[in-house]
């Protein structure tokens, strides 16, 4: 089969990279197309994933529609030449539209409720796959599975953290240290939402700096006061850094989930947490005790101070992670099956063993 995968975000590279290997090993042809942003294309290059860049980044929310239209038009032209059997993406606006025009099956992965772009995606997609606790019903093509996007690359069967990789870049994995993530709010699903203020970022850095090293990854240029905390490792080692970290905090939902799944105490500070009903992934991760979420910077700082004073925090998070992993699946094989062997995917949607 011919499979087209599109990439719009660094996390999408991680989500699909093991899937690409599985599909290739089965003899399928895989074609990867990307929109350029701060890290997605460099990650594709680091992982030696053949790809083609179809559009650059948008400079603002105003320019997003123009870039999206350019991207869809170029994807359509390439898909007509390839004649794919299936097209897939996380989010999947372009894939859901283009697949209809080239006679391909479309498989879209979503994990965030209440997003406006779903209205122009879901009606056109053949299959929409979500975590089982997803809070919306998405029609006949909706498929649920026991996992999270991030378990396509952070499940223990996929990810083997290495302290030596960190030491090679001057990081002592024994710590103590914190990883902080600050992001831009310029995606289609970010309209009306926001994260940490500049002052809140500085206060958060200062709180963790009193207890250990602080490493900051940011999609915006760091101000001079925070430049000394710039991430010391290349992007492909961020998960090694997260795994050995004592704390994670920031306004990125993806990295908050990644930290939680690696048993790193995870603090998410963003406006989505202020909804009457938060995103289902975070409601469930909170039930496991693996993520704390708040829209209030002062509350976030209070949680951070509480955490740096708790010597049992890491052991608590490791215990909670073991319970979660017993109840979730390795997502990569499920994704590969859903793309090319949909009937086999049914058996992979649930774990084969029960929790303790």
Protein backbone atom coordinates (compact mmCIF):
# COMPACT_ATOMS: atom_id res chain seq x y z
CA UNK A 1 0.00 0.00 0.00
CA UNK A 2 0.97 3.62 -0.47
CA UNK A 3 0.67 5.70 2.70
CA UNK A 4 0.90 9.50 2.89
CA UNK A 5 1.75 11.01 6.29
CA UNK A 6 1.68 14.75 6.95
CA UNK A 7 3.57 16.51 9.74
CA UNK A 8 2.68 19.89 11.24
CA UNK A 9 4.31 19.77 14.70
CA UNK A 10 7.42 18.23 16.30
CA UNK A 11 5.26 15.81 18.30
CA UNK A 12 3.85 14.47 15.03
CA UNK A 13 7.36 13.39 14.01
CA UNK A 14 7.65 11.38 17.21
CA UNK A 15 4.11 10.02 16.84
CA UNK A 16 4.76 8.61 13.36
CA UNK A 17 8.45 7.70 13.38
CA UNK A 18 8.00 4.19 14.80
CA UNK A 19 4.86 3.75 12.70
CA UNK A 20 6.91 4.53 9.59
CA UNK A 21 9.41 1.82 10.56
CA UNK A 22 6.62 -0.71 11.13
CA UNK A 23 4.97 0.08 7.80
CA UNK A 24 8.24 -0.01 5.89
CA UNK A 25 9.16 -3.35 7.46
CA UNK A 26 5.84 -4.72 6.17
CA UNK A 27 6.70 -3.62 2.64
CA UNK A 28 4.45 -0.55 2.37
CA UNK A 29 5.54 2.68 0.65
CA UNK A 30 5.49 5.72 2.93
CA UNK A 31 5.56 9.34 1.75
CA UNK A 32 6.04 12.10 4.35
CA UNK A 33 5.09 15.74 3.80
CA UNK A 34 5.66 18.56 6.28
CA UNK A 35 4.94 22.14 7.10
CA UNK A 36 8.03 23.87 8.35
CA UNK A 37 8.07 25.12 11.92
CA UNK A 38 10.62 25.55 14.70
CA UNK A 39 11.48 21.86 15.16
CA UNK A 40 9.45 19.49 12.99
CA UNK A 41 11.64 19.54 9.88
CA UNK A 42 14.94 19.42 11.84
CA UNK A 43 13.59 16.37 13.70
CA UNK A 44 12.69 14.64 10.45
CA UNK A 45 16.25 15.27 9.31
CA UNK A 46 17.75 14.01 12.59
CA UNK A 47 15.80 10.77 12.32
CA UNK A 48 16.72 10.35 8.62
CA UNK A 49 13.06 10.28 7.59
CA UNK A 50 12.74 11.13 3.87
CA UNK A 51 10.28 14.00 3.53
CA UNK A 52 9.20 16.95 1.43
CA UNK A 53 8.41 20.40 2.84
CA UNK A 54 5.26 21.83 1.26
CA UNK A 55 4.85 25.12 3.13
CA UNK A 56 6.68 27.40 5.52
CA UNK A 57 5.53 28.54 8.95
CA UNK A 58 2.84 31.15 9.40
CA UNK A 59 4.10 34.42 10.83
CA UNK A 60 0.87 35.10 12.71
CA UNK A 61 -2.65 33.81 13.21
CA UNK A 62 -3.73 36.17 10.41
CA UNK A 63 -1.40 34.37 8.00
CA UNK A 64 -2.52 30.90 9.07
CA UNK A 65 -5.34 30.61 6.52
CA UNK A 66 -3.04 31.58 3.65
CA UNK A 67 -0.40 29.05 4.67
CA UNK A 68 -3.05 26.35 5.16
CA UNK A 69 -4.47 26.88 1.67
CA UNK A 70 -1.00 26.78 0.14
CA UNK A 71 -0.23 23.59 2.03
CA UNK A 72 -3.46 21.86 0.96
CA UNK A 73 -3.00 22.83 -2.69
CA UNK A 74 0.57 21.50 -2.80
CA UNK A 75 -0.43 18.35 -0.94
CA UNK A 76 -3.21 17.77 -3.48
CA UNK A 77 -0.76 18.05 -6.38
CA UNK A 78 1.67 15.59 -4.80
CA UNK A 79 -1.08 13.16 -3.77
CA UNK A 80 -2.44 13.07 -7.33
CA UNK A 81 1.00 12.05 -8.53
CA UNK A 82 1.44 9.38 -5.81
CA UNK A 83 -2.10 7.95 -5.86
CA UNK A 84 -2.03 6.88 -2.18
CA UNK A 85 -4.26 4.23 -0.67
CA UNK A 86 -4.41 5.96 2.70
CA UNK A 87 -3.54 9.42 4.05
CA UNK A 88 -3.04 10.23 7.73
CA UNK A 89 -2.21 13.07 10.10
CA UNK A 90 -2.60 14.28 13.64
CA UNK A 91 -5.24 17.01 13.44
CA UNK A 92 -5.77 16.17 9.80
CA UNK A 93 -7.43 19.24 8.26
CA UNK A 94 -5.51 18.98 4.97
CA UNK A 95 -5.52 15.16 4.85
CA UNK A 96 -9.27 14.91 5.36
CA UNK A 97 -9.90 17.27 2.43
CA UNK A 98 -7.24 16.11 -0.02
CA UNK A 99 -7.93 12.39 0.46
CA UNK A 100 -11.50 12.87 -0.82
CA UNK A 101 -10.18 14.42 -4.03
CA UNK A 102 -7.69 11.63 -4.76
CA UNK A 103 -9.81 8.62 -3.76
CA UNK A 104 -7.71 7.71 -0.71
CA UNK A 105 -8.90 6.54 2.71
CA UNK A 106 -8.15 9.08 5.46
CA UNK A 107 -7.23 8.29 9.07
CA UNK A 108 -7.03 11.24 11.46
CA UNK A 109 -5.82 11.21 15.07
CA UNK A 110 -7.30 13.67 17.59
CA UNK A 111 -6.86 14.07 21.34
CA UNK A 112 -8.15 17.56 22.10
CA UNK A 113 -11.84 18.35 22.46
CA UNK A 114 -13.65 21.56 21.63
CA UNK A 115 -11.35 22.65 18.79
CA UNK A 116 -12.93 24.69 15.99
CA UNK A 117 -10.90 23.01 13.24
CA UNK A 118 -12.57 19.66 14.03
CA UNK A 119 -15.68 20.98 12.25
CA UNK A 120 -13.83 21.13 8.95
CA UNK A 121 -11.97 17.85 9.53
CA UNK A 122 -14.23 15.18 11.07
CA UNK A 123 -17.04 15.29 8.45
CA UNK A 124 -14.53 14.51 5.68
CA UNK A 125 -12.38 11.88 7.43
CA UNK A 126 -13.06 8.16 6.99
CA UNK A 127 -11.63 7.24 10.41
CA UNK A 128 -11.05 9.48 13.42
CA UNK A 129 -9.07 7.77 16.20
CA UNK A 130 -8.98 9.14 19.74
CA UNK A 131 -8.02 8.02 23.25
CA UNK A 132 -10.85 6.04 24.85
CA UNK A 133 -11.84 8.79 27.30
CA UNK A 134 -12.24 11.41 24.54
CA UNK A 135 -15.24 13.51 25.51
CA UNK A 136 -16.98 13.84 22.14
CA UNK A 137 -18.75 11.37 19.86
CA UNK A 138 -17.45 11.77 16.30
CA UNK A 139 -19.74 9.56 14.23
CA UNK A 140 -19.53 6.16 12.57
CA UNK A 141 -15.82 6.44 11.78
CA UNK A 142 -14.81 7.13 15.37
CA UNK A 143 -12.34 4.58 16.81
CA UNK A 144 -11.23 4.66 20.45
CA UNK A 145 -8.10 3.11 21.96
CA UNK A 146 -6.58 2.77 25.43
CA UNK A 147 -3.64 5.12 25.13
CA UNK A 148 -2.35 8.56 24.31
CA UNK A 149 -0.60 9.91 21.22
CA UNK A 150 2.59 10.10 23.25
CA UNK A 151 2.58 6.35 23.93
CA UNK A 152 3.39 5.83 20.24
CA UNK A 153 6.95 6.82 21.15
CA UNK A 154 7.25 6.85 24.95
CA UNK A 155 5.88 3.40 25.73
CA UNK A 156 8.69 1.33 27.33
CA UNK A 157 8.68 -0.93 24.26
CA UNK A 158 9.61 2.12 22.13
CA UNK A 159 11.73 4.33 24.36
CA UNK A 160 14.96 3.41 26.15
CA UNK A 161 16.34 6.45 28.03
CA UNK A 162 20.10 6.87 28.20
CA UNK A 163 21.99 8.79 30.91
CA UNK A 164 25.12 8.64 28.76
CA UNK A 165 23.46 10.60 25.97
CA UNK A 166 22.83 13.39 28.47
CA UNK A 167 26.33 13.29 29.96
CA UNK A 168 27.73 13.71 26.46
CA UNK A 169 26.08 17.16 26.47
CA UNK A 170 27.17 18.15 29.95
CA UNK A 171 23.99 17.19 31.80
CA UNK A 172 24.26 15.12 34.98
CA UNK A 173 21.15 12.89 34.97
CA UNK A 174 21.26 12.46 38.74
CA UNK A 175 20.20 16.11 38.99
CA UNK A 176 18.40 17.69 40.60
CA UNK A 177 17.04 19.64 37.64
CA UNK A 178 13.82 20.93 36.09
CA UNK A 179 12.75 21.08 32.44
CA UNK A 180 10.50 24.01 31.50
CA UNK A 181 8.66 24.41 28.19
CA UNK A 182 7.33 27.73 26.87
CA UNK A 183 5.48 27.78 23.57
CA UNK A 184 3.96 30.12 21.01
CA UNK A 185 0.20 30.34 20.85
CA UNK A 186 -0.25 30.70 17.09
CA UNK A 187 -1.86 27.45 15.93
CA UNK A 188 -5.42 27.17 14.64
CA UNK A 189 -6.60 25.49 17.86
CA UNK A 190 -4.96 28.23 19.99
CA UNK A 191 -7.35 31.03 19.06
CA UNK A 192 -8.55 32.67 22.29
CA UNK A 193 -6.19 30.64 24.47
CA UNK A 194 -2.89 31.45 26.20
CA UNK A 195 -0.13 30.32 28.49
CA UNK A 196 2.40 31.84 30.87
CA UNK A 197 3.10 35.58 30.94
CA UNK A 198 6.70 36.80 30.56
CA UNK A 199 6.78 37.59 34.29
CA UNK A 200 5.29 34.20 35.12
CA UNK A 201 8.02 32.44 33.13
CA UNK A 202 10.74 34.28 35.04
CA UNK A 203 9.13 33.52 38.40
CA UNK A 204 8.80 29.83 37.49
CA UNK A 205 12.45 29.62 36.48
CA UNK A 206 13.49 31.32 39.72
CA UNK A 207 11.42 28.90 41.83
CA UNK A 208 13.08 25.80 40.38
CA UNK A 209 16.53 27.44 40.21
CA UNK A 210 16.52 27.60 44.00
CA UNK A 211 16.38 23.78 44.06
CA UNK A 212 18.59 22.73 41.12
CA UNK A 213 19.44 23.34 37.49
CA UNK A 214 16.79 24.66 35.12
CA UNK A 215 16.70 23.85 31.40
CA UNK A 216 14.28 25.82 29.22
CA UNK A 217 12.97 24.91 25.78
CA UNK A 218 10.97 27.64 24.06
CA UNK A 219 9.44 28.27 20.64
CA UNK A 220 9.95 32.00 21.21
CA UNK A 221 13.27 33.75 21.67
CA UNK A 222 14.26 33.66 25.33
CA UNK A 223 14.69 37.04 27.02
CA UNK A 224 18.19 37.86 28.32
CA UNK A 225 17.17 36.98 31.89
CA UNK A 226 16.46 33.37 30.84
CA UNK A 227 19.04 32.85 28.09
CA UNK A 228 21.48 31.12 30.47
CA UNK A 229 18.90 28.34 30.94
CA UNK A 230 18.67 27.47 27.25
CA UNK A 231 18.20 23.75 26.53
CA UNK A 232 21.65 22.06 26.61
CA UNK A 233 20.76 19.02 24.45
CA UNK A 234 19.66 18.64 20.80
CA UNK A 235 15.90 18.30 20.19
CA UNK A 236 15.99 14.52 19.70
CA UNK A 237 17.24 14.09 23.29
CA UNK A 238 14.42 16.02 24.94
CA UNK A 239 12.75 12.83 26.15
CA UNK A 240 15.96 11.55 27.75
CA UNK A 241 16.18 14.92 29.50
CA UNK A 242 12.55 14.69 30.62
CA UNK A 243 12.89 11.11 31.85
CA UNK A 244 15.73 11.90 34.26
CA UNK A 245 14.31 15.30 35.32
CA UNK A 246 13.03 15.86 38.85
CA UNK A 247 10.30 18.25 37.71
CA UNK A 248 8.58 19.51 34.55
CA UNK A 249 6.52 22.71 34.27
CA UNK A 250 5.29 24.89 31.42
CA UNK A 251 2.44 25.88 29.12
CA UNK A 252 2.81 23.02 26.61
CA UNK A 253 0.13 20.34 26.75
CA UNK A 254 2.19 17.85 24.74
CA UNK A 255 5.27 18.07 26.92
CA UNK A 256 3.18 17.96 30.09
CA UNK A 257 1.77 14.65 28.89
CA UNK A 258 5.21 13.37 27.88
CA UNK A 259 6.62 14.17 31.30
CA UNK A 260 3.72 12.42 33.03
CA UNK A 261 4.18 9.28 30.95
CA UNK A 262 7.88 9.26 31.89
CA UNK A 263 7.06 9.51 35.64
CA UNK A 264 8.36 13.08 35.88
CA UNK A 265 6.14 15.28 38.10
CA UNK A 266 4.29 17.39 35.54
CA UNK A 267 2.82 20.88 36.04
CA UNK A 268 0.73 22.37 33.20
CA UNK A 269 -0.09 26.09 33.31
CA UNK A 270 -2.36 27.21 30.46
CA UNK A 271 -5.83 28.62 29.84
CA UNK A 272 -7.27 25.28 28.63
CA UNK A 273 -7.10 24.17 32.28
CA UNK A 274 -9.59 26.90 33.17
CA UNK A 275 -12.44 25.38 31.19
CA UNK A 276 -15.50 24.06 32.98
CA UNK A 277 -14.45 20.65 31.62
CA UNK A 278 -10.74 20.27 30.84
CA UNK A 279 -9.34 18.18 27.99
CA UNK A 280 -10.07 14.49 28.67
CA UNK A 281 -6.42 13.42 28.55
CA UNK A 282 -5.62 15.72 31.44
CA UNK A 283 -8.69 14.74 33.41
CA UNK A 284 -7.55 11.12 33.15
CA UNK A 285 -3.87 11.86 33.86
CA UNK A 286 -5.01 13.82 36.92
CA UNK A 287 -6.94 10.75 38.09
CA UNK A 288 -3.70 8.77 37.87
CA UNK A 289 -2.06 11.59 39.85
CA UNK A 290 0.52 12.22 37.13
CA UNK A 291 -0.31 15.82 36.10
CA UNK A 292 -1.35 18.97 37.93
CA UNK A 293 -3.08 21.59 35.76
CA UNK A 294 -4.00 25.19 36.43
CA UNK A 295 -4.69 28.40 34.53
CA UNK A 296 -3.53 30.49 37.52
CA UNK A 297 0.17 31.38 37.52
CA UNK A 298 0.22 32.03 41.27
CA UNK A 299 -1.30 28.61 41.94
CA UNK A 300 1.25 27.07 39.59
CA UNK A 301 4.12 28.67 41.48
CA UNK A 302 2.66 27.43 44.76
CA UNK A 303 2.57 23.86 43.36
CA UNK A 304 6.17 24.20 42.17
CA UNK A 305 7.32 25.30 45.63
CA UNK A 306 5.43 22.40 47.20
CA UNK A 307 7.08 19.93 44.85
CA UNK A 308 10.69 21.04 45.36
CA UNK A 309 10.20 20.52 49.09
CA UNK A 310 8.84 16.94 48.76
CA UNK A 311 11.58 14.25 48.89
CA UNK A 312 9.07 11.46 48.05
CA UNK A 313 7.76 13.06 44.88
CA UNK A 314 9.74 10.99 42.34
CA UNK A 315 8.90 7.66 44.00
CA UNK A 316 5.22 8.60 44.05
CA UNK A 317 5.19 9.41 40.34
CA UNK A 318 7.01 6.18 39.41
CA UNK A 319 4.43 4.13 41.29
CA UNK A 320 1.57 5.95 39.56
CA UNK A 321 3.17 5.47 36.13
CA UNK A 322 3.40 1.70 36.64
CA UNK A 323 -0.35 1.58 37.18
CA UNK A 324 -1.03 3.64 34.05
CA UNK A 325 1.20 1.52 31.82
CA UNK A 326 -0.58 -1.64 32.93
CA UNK A 327 -3.83 -0.14 31.64
CA UNK A 328 -2.59 1.34 28.34
CA UNK A 329 -1.26 0.04 25.03
CA UNK A 330 1.84 0.51 22.90
CA UNK A 331 0.16 2.87 20.42
CA UNK A 332 2.55 2.55 17.44
CA UNK A 333 1.42 -0.96 16.32
CA UNK A 334 -2.22 0.09 16.75
CA UNK A 335 -1.64 3.08 14.45
CA UNK A 336 0.16 0.97 11.84
CA UNK A 337 -2.66 -1.57 11.82
CA UNK A 338 -5.37 1.10 11.63
CA UNK A 339 -3.73 2.49 8.51
CA UNK A 340 -3.26 -0.70 6.52
CA UNK A 341 -5.01 -3.56 8.39
CA UNK A 342 -8.00 -1.94 10.13
CA UNK A 343 -9.50 -5.22 11.33
CA UNK A 344 -6.27 -6.15 13.13
CA UNK A 345 -6.33 -2.77 14.90
CA UNK A 346 -9.48 -3.75 16.80
CA UNK A 347 -7.53 -6.30 18.81
CA UNK A 348 -4.77 -3.82 19.59
CA UNK A 349 -7.02 -1.06 20.95
CA UNK A 350 -7.04 -2.50 24.49
CA UNK A 351 -4.20 -3.83 26.70
CA UNK A 352 -3.73 -7.58 26.91
CA UNK A 353 -3.15 -7.50 30.70
CA UNK A 354 -5.17 -5.88 33.44
CA UNK A 355 -3.82 -3.44 36.00
CA UNK A 356 -2.60 -4.74 39.37
